Amino acid sequence: MHIKLPKIGAIPVNLHRPIPTGFVVKQVRILRKADRWYASISLQC
């Protein structure tokens, strides 16, 4: 699975749980901790 971000492109995603049916992505926040990148995804039903 990949997530497409403006100005960055498609990046691979490792979800720790699936996105429920009927929910949409409202916001994605990109974080960098040490030498790793993380995405925090907010959903709206």
C-alpha atoms as a PDB file:
ATOM      1  CA  MET A   1       0.000   0.000   0.000  1.00  0.00           C
ATOM      2  CA  HIS A   2       1.166   3.538  -0.793  1.00  0.00           C
ATOM      3  CA  ILE A   3      -0.021   6.991   0.174  1.00  0.00           C
ATOM      4  CA  LYS A   4       0.237   9.805  -2.385  1.00  0.00           C
ATOM      5  CA  LEU A   5       1.398  13.132  -0.941  1.00  0.00           C
ATOM      6  CA  PRO A   6       1.536  16.415  -2.883  1.00  0.00           C
ATOM      7  CA  LYS A   7       5.072  17.560  -3.771  1.00  0.00           C
ATOM      8  CA  ILE A   8       6.508  14.263  -2.445  1.00  0.00           C
ATOM      9  CA  GLY A   9       4.775  11.552  -4.458  1.00  0.00           C
ATOM     10  CA  ALA A  10       3.810   8.019  -3.491  1.00  0.00           C
ATOM     11  CA  ILE A  11       5.459   6.591  -0.389  1.00  0.00           C
ATOM     12  CA  PRO A  12       5.045   3.101   1.108  1.00  0.00           C
ATOM     13  CA  VAL A  13       2.768   2.723   4.125  1.00  0.00           C
ATOM     14  CA  ASN A  14       2.861   0.148   6.925  1.00  0.00           C
ATOM     15  CA  LEU A  15      -0.526   0.379   8.668  1.00  0.00           C
ATOM     16  CA  HIS A  16      -0.790  -0.991  12.198  1.00  0.00           C
ATOM     17  CA  ARG A  17      -4.551  -1.384  11.654  1.00  0.00           C
ATOM     18  CA  PRO A  18      -6.770  -1.096   8.546  1.00  0.00           C
ATOM     19  CA  ILE A  19      -8.714   2.061   7.677  1.00  0.00           C
ATOM     20  CA  PRO A  20     -12.394   1.285   8.446  1.00  0.00           C
ATOM     21  CA  THR A  21     -14.876   1.172   5.571  1.00  0.00           C
ATOM     22  CA  GLY A  22     -16.618   4.505   5.021  1.00  0.00           C
ATOM     23  CA  PHE A  23     -13.855   6.580   6.616  1.00  0.00           C
ATOM     24  CA  VAL A  24     -11.840   9.120   4.616  1.00  0.00           C
ATOM     25  CA  VAL A  25      -8.406  10.573   5.282  1.00  0.00           C
ATOM     26  CA  LYS A  26      -8.833  14.114   6.612  1.00  0.00           C
ATOM     27  CA  GLN A  27      -5.229  15.061   7.398  1.00  0.00           C
ATOM     28  CA  VAL A  28      -1.739  13.566   7.187  1.00  0.00           C
ATOM     29  CA  ARG A  29       1.071  14.859   9.371  1.00  0.00           C
ATOM     30  CA  ILE A  30       4.644  13.878   8.510  1.00  0.00           C
ATOM     31  CA  LEU A  31       7.057  13.521  11.431  1.00  0.00           C
ATOM     32  CA  ARG A  32      10.764  12.776  11.610  1.00  0.00           C
ATOM     33  CA  LYS A  33      12.181  11.138  14.736  1.00  0.00           C
ATOM     34  CA  ALA A  34      15.900  10.391  14.724  1.00  0.00           C
ATOM     35  CA  ASP A  35      16.565   8.927  11.272  1.00  0.00           C
ATOM     36  CA  ARG A  36      13.020   7.576  10.654  1.00  0.00           C
ATOM     37  CA  TRP A  37       9.979   9.193   9.016  1.00  0.00           C
ATOM     38  CA  TYR A  38       6.419   8.634  10.279  1.00  0.00           C
ATOM     39  CA  ALA A  39       2.960   9.683   9.098  1.00  0.00           C
ATOM     40  CA  SER A  40       0.110  10.415  11.490  1.00  0.00           C
ATOM     41  CA  ILE A  41      -3.205  10.016   9.661  1.00  0.00           C
ATOM     42  CA  SER A  42      -6.466  11.630  10.862  1.00  0.00           C
ATOM     43  CA  LEU A  43      -9.707  10.035   9.662  1.00  0.00           C
ATOM     44  CA  GLN A  44     -13.269  11.314   9.348  1.00  0.00           C
ATOM     45  CA  CYS A  45     -16.357   9.122   9.195  1.00  0.00           C
END
